[in-house]
Structure formats: structure tokens, C-alpha cells
Amino acid sequence: MKVYRDKRIIILYLLPVLILMGLFVYYPLVQSFVFSFYKWASFSPVKEWVGFYNYKLIFSDPVIWGILKNNFLYAFWSTIFQAGLGLVFAACLEEKFMRKSQPFFRTVLFIPSLIAMSVIALLWQFMYDPSNGLINGAIHAIGLTNLNPQWLGDSKMSIYCCIIVSQWQYIGYCMMLDLVGIQKIDGELFEAATIDGATRPQVFRYITFPLMKESLLVTTVVTILGSIKVFTEVYVMTVGGPGRSSEVLATAMYRAAFKNDEMGVACAYAIIIFVLTFICAAIQLKISRTGQD
């Protein structure tokens, strides 16, 4: 009887969360999935059933492969810099000679992640300005006056310019997560390795890195999922241009919904984003086998 009462209390505590999740997460998701099979406009009461036509329309457009490539580039470089370099920074800050100055560097590296991405995107947009921007100004200041890169105006460079902005903002965030993971490692392991004559790179390779599995899983999952859903920096800085060279899935969804008024196509894009994030998260969790060691 007591167990039954305890279960009811637990369910009562969970009920508000489950209701909110159902209303604001799962219901819109199911609704988007259903609407992706219709052709409809935002202010039209009429919805025409078209089946998989919206998905066929998306994947028959050659631009979709460039869009997926851009999201892949985001995920690839973000994993290297945010998850990888964030771990390296965290390991460096945990060295004994860095302990006193660690709070300063933690603050400096973490502050960008607290700033709204729209503000950061506008800041970098000014920096990339070919005429009055800080970057080209620095290039000219060192004597390379013949160089005048267009940065955001170059179809081959624009996506990489957007990727750089994301790395600058979120490396500190991943570093903070990794710092927590490193601090959970038993300090005696580091002391024993040092006594045995292990160098700092060897300590990092054979102790820090293997024991950071949980933290690395979190930072990698967060980074890759964020790369699939990336929107603000691309939209603010390039709106997917020039042409559609820096378009990503989220900006393509926005374009379909609010510029072309193709709400069914936009819902199809939303489902594609969901499926990709779900698959990536499931693969990473499977590979890591969290909690089974």
C-alpha cells in the first residue's frame, strides 16, 4: 500500500512536466509530421493532401545537397574545435601552474557563450565588412593592401565565416563542461603518473582522455545537435547567401515558411531536422555505451 502511495506521489510530481512536454514538445512535433503531408499556406483554411510530395520536392532540388553539406561542415568543425579544443583548454587550465589564473581564463573564455547569438552575429558581420571591417583593416595594416577578401560576399567562404563565429562563442561552454569532468577524476591518478615519469601529453592521453568519456559524450552530442539546428548566425550574417551557398536546414525551413509561404515544405524540413538529430544522438549514445562500463 505504501509503495502504491509513493508511486502516486511520484506521478503527481511528474505530471506537470509531462503535461507541459506533451503540449509544447510532442504535440507540435506530431502536428508538424502530419502537416508535412499537406500543401497549405499560412493564412489559408484549405489543406491539400499531397503525401510525400513535399519531401520529394526537397530532395529533388539540387540545393538540398549543398544545404546538408553545410550542416555537415558545421558538425565536423564544431566537433573538432568546440568539443576537442574545449577539452584541451580544460586540461591546460587544470595544470597546477594555471590554478591561480584559472578563474580569469575561465571567465574570458566563457563570456562569449552568455551573449545572444544575434548580437554576436551582428558584431562579426561588422568585422567581416570588406570596406570598414576590423579583419580587412588588420590585413591592410600589416602591409597586405592588395588583399581585400569579401568574406561573407564570397560563396566559397561565407559558410566558413559563419562556422568561425560559432566556434568563438561556444568553445568556452564546452571547456566549462570538461573542467567539471576533469575535476571529478581522482587526483591520485595524476600524482602517480607524474611520479612514474609520465609527461603531460602522456597524462592527457592515457588518463584524462579515457576518463572523460561522459563529459566528451555530452559536449559532442550538444555540439553536433546544435550544428544540425544552427540558424541565427547564418540568418543574421548571410540569410543563406550569397545565392544559397551558406544555406542550412533551419534557414531553408524559414525560407520555405515565411518567404515562400510553403508551410507543408517547412514542416517537412522540420521533420528532417528532427530525424537527423535523433539519429545522431542515438548513434553517439550507442557508440559510447554510457553507463555500461
Protein backbone atom coordinates (compact mmCIF):
# COMPACT_ATOMS: atom_id res chain seq x y z
CA MET A 1 0.00 0.00 0.00
CA LYS A 2 2.84 2.35 0.87
CA VAL A 3 4.63 1.56 -2.41
CA TYR A 4 1.43 2.30 -4.34
CA ARG A 5 1.08 5.63 -2.50
CA ASP A 6 4.71 6.53 -3.21
CA LYS A 7 4.19 5.82 -6.90
CA ARG A 8 1.15 8.09 -6.96
CA ILE A 9 3.14 10.88 -5.31
CA ILE A 10 5.94 10.49 -7.87
CA ILE A 11 3.43 10.56 -10.72
CA LEU A 12 1.79 13.70 -9.29
CA TYR A 13 5.19 15.43 -9.19
CA LEU A 14 5.95 14.38 -12.76
CA LEU A 15 2.50 15.18 -14.12
CA PRO A 16 3.03 18.97 -14.64
CA VAL A 17 6.26 18.30 -16.54
CA LEU A 18 4.64 15.59 -18.65
CA ILE A 19 1.70 17.88 -19.49
CA LEU A 20 3.98 20.74 -20.48
CA MET A 21 6.22 18.44 -22.54
CA GLY A 22 3.17 16.98 -24.24
CA LEU A 23 1.69 20.38 -25.07
CA PHE A 24 4.84 22.21 -26.15
CA VAL A 25 7.12 19.44 -27.47
CA TYR A 26 5.37 16.25 -28.54
CA TYR A 27 2.09 17.67 -29.78
CA PRO A 28 3.78 20.25 -32.08
CA LEU A 29 6.14 17.50 -33.29
CA VAL A 30 3.29 15.18 -34.22
CA GLN A 31 1.39 18.09 -35.74
CA SER A 32 4.40 19.07 -37.87
CA PHE A 33 4.74 15.47 -39.04
CA VAL A 34 1.08 15.37 -40.09
CA PHE A 35 1.19 18.80 -41.76
CA SER A 36 4.29 17.82 -43.76
CA PHE A 37 1.97 15.65 -45.89
CA TYR A 38 -0.19 18.61 -46.87
CA LYS A 39 0.20 21.52 -49.24
CA TRP A 40 -1.02 24.66 -47.48
CA ALA A 41 -0.38 28.34 -46.92
CA SER A 42 -0.19 30.07 -43.56
CA PHE A 43 -3.48 32.00 -43.79
CA SER A 44 -5.39 29.52 -45.89
CA PRO A 45 -8.04 27.33 -44.22
CA VAL A 46 -7.65 24.77 -47.02
CA LYS A 47 -5.05 21.99 -46.74
CA GLU A 48 -4.48 19.71 -49.72
CA TRP A 49 -3.21 16.19 -49.05
CA VAL A 50 -0.10 15.57 -51.17
CA GLY A 51 1.51 12.64 -49.37
CA PHE A 52 5.30 12.58 -49.68
CA TYR A 53 5.31 15.30 -52.35
CA ASN A 54 6.90 17.89 -50.03
CA TYR A 55 9.77 15.53 -49.21
CA LYS A 56 10.16 14.69 -52.89
CA LEU A 57 10.24 18.41 -53.67
CA ILE A 58 13.01 18.99 -51.14
CA PHE A 59 15.23 16.11 -52.22
CA SER A 60 14.72 16.70 -55.94
CA ASP A 61 16.13 20.23 -55.52
CA PRO A 62 19.93 20.12 -56.11
CA VAL A 63 20.34 22.80 -53.42
CA ILE A 64 19.48 20.29 -50.67
CA TRP A 65 22.84 18.54 -51.04
CA GLY A 66 24.67 21.83 -50.58
CA ILE A 67 22.49 22.51 -47.52
CA LEU A 68 23.29 19.11 -46.00
CA LYS A 69 26.97 19.65 -46.79
CA ASN A 70 26.90 22.96 -44.91
CA ASN A 71 25.32 21.32 -41.86
CA PHE A 72 27.91 18.53 -42.07
CA LEU A 73 30.73 21.10 -42.21
CA TYR A 74 29.24 22.80 -39.17
CA ALA A 75 29.13 19.50 -37.27
CA PHE A 76 32.63 18.44 -38.34
CA TRP A 77 34.45 21.66 -37.45
CA SER A 78 32.37 22.23 -34.33
CA THR A 79 33.27 18.78 -33.01
CA ILE A 80 36.97 19.46 -33.58
CA PHE A 81 37.04 22.97 -32.13
CA GLN A 82 34.26 23.04 -29.55
CA ALA A 83 34.47 19.50 -28.18
CA GLY A 84 38.14 18.86 -28.99
CA LEU A 85 39.76 22.22 -28.31
CA GLY A 86 37.45 22.79 -25.35
CA LEU A 87 38.87 19.61 -23.75
CA VAL A 88 42.44 20.74 -24.44
CA PHE A 89 41.77 24.15 -22.86
CA ALA A 90 40.18 22.48 -19.83
CA ALA A 91 43.18 20.17 -19.38
CA CYS A 92 45.56 23.14 -19.63
CA LEU A 93 43.63 25.15 -17.05
CA GLU A 94 43.72 22.22 -14.63
CA GLU A 95 47.52 22.19 -14.60
CA LYS A 96 48.99 23.25 -11.26
CA PHE A 97 50.79 26.30 -12.64
CA MET A 98 47.47 27.55 -14.10
CA ARG A 99 45.37 27.15 -10.95
CA LYS A 100 45.82 30.75 -9.73
CA SER A 101 44.95 32.30 -13.10
CA GLN A 102 42.25 29.71 -13.92
CA PRO A 103 39.29 31.92 -12.83
CA PHE A 104 40.43 34.70 -15.17
CA PHE A 105 40.75 32.45 -18.22
CA ARG A 106 37.51 30.62 -17.38
CA THR A 107 35.68 33.94 -17.35
CA VAL A 108 37.29 35.26 -20.53
CA LEU A 109 36.57 32.08 -22.49
CA PHE A 110 33.06 31.55 -21.11
CA ILE A 111 31.71 35.12 -21.52
CA PRO A 112 31.02 34.78 -25.31
CA SER A 113 28.57 31.92 -24.66
CA LEU A 114 26.49 34.26 -22.46
CA ILE A 115 25.98 36.81 -25.23
CA ALA A 116 22.96 36.47 -27.52
CA MET A 117 23.94 34.93 -30.85
CA SER A 118 22.09 37.65 -32.78
CA VAL A 119 24.33 40.27 -31.13
CA ILE A 120 27.48 38.24 -31.84
CA ALA A 121 26.43 37.67 -35.45
CA LEU A 122 25.94 41.42 -35.97
CA LEU A 123 29.33 42.11 -34.34
CA TRP A 124 31.11 39.66 -36.64
CA GLN A 125 29.19 40.95 -39.63
CA PHE A 126 30.74 44.37 -38.99
CA MET A 127 34.15 42.75 -38.52
CA TYR A 128 33.81 40.94 -41.86
CA ASP A 129 32.83 44.15 -43.68
CA PRO A 130 35.25 44.39 -46.67
CA SER A 131 35.43 48.18 -46.58
CA ASN A 132 35.43 49.17 -42.91
CA GLY A 133 35.71 45.86 -41.09
CA LEU A 134 38.30 45.12 -38.43
CA ILE A 135 39.63 42.00 -40.17
CA ASN A 136 40.41 43.63 -43.52
CA GLY A 137 41.69 46.66 -41.63
CA ALA A 138 44.19 44.43 -39.81
CA ILE A 139 45.21 42.80 -43.11
CA HIS A 140 45.88 46.20 -44.67
CA ALA A 141 47.68 47.40 -41.52
CA ILE A 142 50.36 44.71 -41.92
CA GLY A 143 51.01 45.80 -45.50
CA LEU A 144 48.80 43.42 -47.49
CA THR A 145 46.92 46.25 -49.15
CA ASN A 146 46.26 44.24 -52.32
CA LEU A 147 44.19 41.72 -50.37
CA ASN A 148 40.55 42.64 -49.89
CA PRO A 149 38.60 39.42 -49.16
CA GLN A 150 34.83 39.72 -49.43
CA TRP A 151 34.32 37.15 -46.66
CA LEU A 152 30.50 36.97 -46.40
CA GLY A 153 30.12 38.03 -50.02
CA ASP A 154 32.20 35.12 -51.34
CA SER A 155 30.14 31.99 -52.00
CA LYS A 156 33.12 29.74 -51.18
CA MET A 157 33.99 31.47 -47.90
CA SER A 158 30.67 32.56 -46.41
CA ILE A 159 29.80 29.25 -44.71
CA TYR A 160 33.25 29.04 -43.11
CA CYS A 161 32.93 32.61 -41.87
CA CYS A 162 29.69 31.60 -40.12
CA ILE A 163 31.31 28.47 -38.68
CA ILE A 164 34.14 30.54 -37.16
CA VAL A 165 31.61 32.65 -35.26
CA SER A 166 30.04 29.58 -33.64
CA GLN A 167 33.41 28.22 -32.55
CA TRP A 168 34.41 31.53 -31.00
CA GLN A 169 31.21 31.58 -28.94
CA TYR A 170 30.93 28.00 -27.70
CA ILE A 171 34.47 26.70 -27.09
CA GLY A 172 34.32 28.21 -23.59
CA TYR A 173 30.99 26.50 -22.89
CA CYS A 174 32.40 23.07 -23.76
CA MET A 175 35.54 23.88 -21.78
CA MET A 176 33.47 24.51 -18.64
CA LEU A 177 31.71 21.15 -19.01
CA ASP A 178 35.07 19.43 -19.48
CA LEU A 179 36.54 21.18 -16.44
CA VAL A 180 33.83 19.61 -14.30
CA GLY A 181 34.65 16.20 -15.77
CA ILE A 182 38.39 16.57 -15.14
CA GLN A 183 37.84 17.70 -11.56
CA LYS A 184 35.86 14.50 -10.91
CA ILE A 185 38.92 12.37 -11.78
CA ASP A 186 40.82 11.10 -8.75
CA GLY A 187 43.87 13.36 -8.30
CA GLU A 188 45.96 10.44 -7.08
CA LEU A 189 45.99 9.06 -10.62
CA PHE A 190 47.70 12.22 -11.88
CA GLU A 191 50.16 12.19 -8.99
CA ALA A 192 51.05 8.55 -9.56
CA ALA A 193 51.57 9.13 -13.27
CA THR A 194 53.82 12.13 -12.56
CA ILE A 195 55.89 10.12 -10.06
CA ASP A 196 56.29 7.37 -12.66
CA GLY A 197 57.75 9.94 -15.04
CA ALA A 198 54.80 10.44 -17.40
CA THR A 199 54.89 13.66 -19.42
CA ARG A 200 51.91 15.99 -19.56
CA PRO A 201 50.85 14.80 -23.06
CA GLN A 202 51.05 11.19 -21.82
CA VAL A 203 48.94 12.01 -18.76
CA PHE A 204 46.37 13.63 -21.02
CA ARG A 205 46.37 10.72 -23.47
CA TYR A 206 46.30 7.80 -21.01
CA ILE A 207 44.43 9.23 -18.02
CA THR A 208 42.49 12.42 -18.76
CA PHE A 209 41.11 11.50 -22.17
CA PRO A 210 39.91 7.92 -21.36
CA LEU A 211 38.29 9.04 -18.10
CA MET A 212 36.46 11.93 -19.77
CA LYS A 213 34.05 9.67 -21.64
CA GLU A 214 30.88 11.04 -20.05
CA SER A 215 31.88 14.68 -20.45
CA LEU A 216 33.02 14.15 -24.05
CA LEU A 217 29.71 12.46 -24.84
CA VAL A 218 27.79 15.48 -23.53
CA THR A 219 29.88 18.07 -25.37
CA THR A 220 29.91 16.07 -28.62
CA VAL A 221 26.16 15.43 -28.58
CA VAL A 222 25.38 19.07 -27.74
CA THR A 223 27.77 20.29 -30.42
CA ILE A 224 26.54 18.07 -33.24
CA LEU A 225 22.86 18.59 -32.45
CA GLY A 226 23.46 22.34 -32.30
CA SER A 227 25.17 22.16 -35.70
CA ILE A 228 22.16 20.45 -37.26
CA LYS A 229 19.78 23.05 -35.78
CA VAL A 230 22.02 26.10 -36.41
CA PHE A 231 20.06 29.13 -37.59
CA THR A 232 20.73 32.54 -36.02
CA GLU A 233 24.30 33.23 -37.09
CA VAL A 234 23.68 32.13 -40.66
CA TYR A 235 20.42 34.05 -40.98
CA VAL A 236 21.74 37.28 -39.43
CA MET A 237 25.05 37.30 -41.30
CA THR A 238 24.20 35.96 -44.76
CA VAL A 239 20.48 34.94 -44.88
CA GLY A 240 21.82 31.78 -46.54
CA GLY A 241 23.63 33.71 -49.26
CA PRO A 242 25.28 34.73 -51.45
CA GLY A 243 22.85 32.82 -53.59
CA ARG A 244 22.16 29.88 -51.28
CA SER A 245 25.81 28.96 -50.72
CA SER A 246 25.62 29.20 -46.90
CA GLU A 247 22.08 27.86 -46.55
CA VAL A 248 21.50 25.35 -43.74
CA LEU A 249 18.43 23.27 -42.91
CA ALA A 250 16.96 25.76 -40.45
CA THR A 251 17.32 28.75 -42.81
CA ALA A 252 15.83 26.66 -45.64
CA MET A 253 12.88 25.87 -43.36
CA TYR A 254 12.49 29.57 -42.54
CA ARG A 255 12.68 30.49 -46.24
CA ALA A 256 10.00 27.94 -47.14
CA ALA A 257 7.67 29.06 -44.34
CA PHE A 258 7.99 32.84 -44.22
CA LYS A 259 9.24 33.82 -47.67
CA ASN A 260 7.68 31.27 -49.98
CA ASP A 261 4.64 30.58 -47.76
CA GLU A 262 5.03 26.84 -48.30
CA MET A 263 4.13 25.66 -44.82
CA GLY A 264 3.98 21.99 -45.78
CA VAL A 265 7.52 22.12 -47.15
CA ALA A 266 8.65 23.95 -44.00
CA CYS A 267 7.12 21.19 -41.84
CA ALA A 268 8.95 18.61 -43.96
CA TYR A 269 12.23 20.46 -43.30
CA ALA A 270 11.42 20.45 -39.57
CA ILE A 271 10.89 16.68 -39.61
CA ILE A 272 14.17 16.17 -41.50
CA ILE A 273 15.97 18.20 -38.82
CA PHE A 274 14.30 16.12 -36.08
CA VAL A 275 15.17 12.81 -37.75
CA LEU A 276 18.82 13.82 -38.24
CA THR A 277 19.21 14.99 -34.64
CA PHE A 278 17.54 11.82 -33.34
CA ILE A 279 19.76 9.55 -35.46
CA CYS A 280 22.95 11.39 -34.48
CA ALA A 281 22.09 11.29 -30.78
CA ALA A 282 21.15 7.59 -30.92
CA ILE A 283 24.40 6.67 -32.73
CA GLN A 284 26.55 8.60 -30.28
CA LEU A 285 24.81 7.06 -27.28
CA LYS A 286 25.17 3.60 -28.80
CA ILE A 287 28.86 4.05 -29.57
CA SER A 288 29.65 5.46 -26.16
CA ARG A 289 27.67 2.75 -24.30
CA THR A 290 27.19 5.19 -21.43
CA GLY A 291 26.70 3.57 -18.04
CA GLN A 292 27.66 0.07 -19.17
CA ASP A 293 31.32 0.19 -18.08
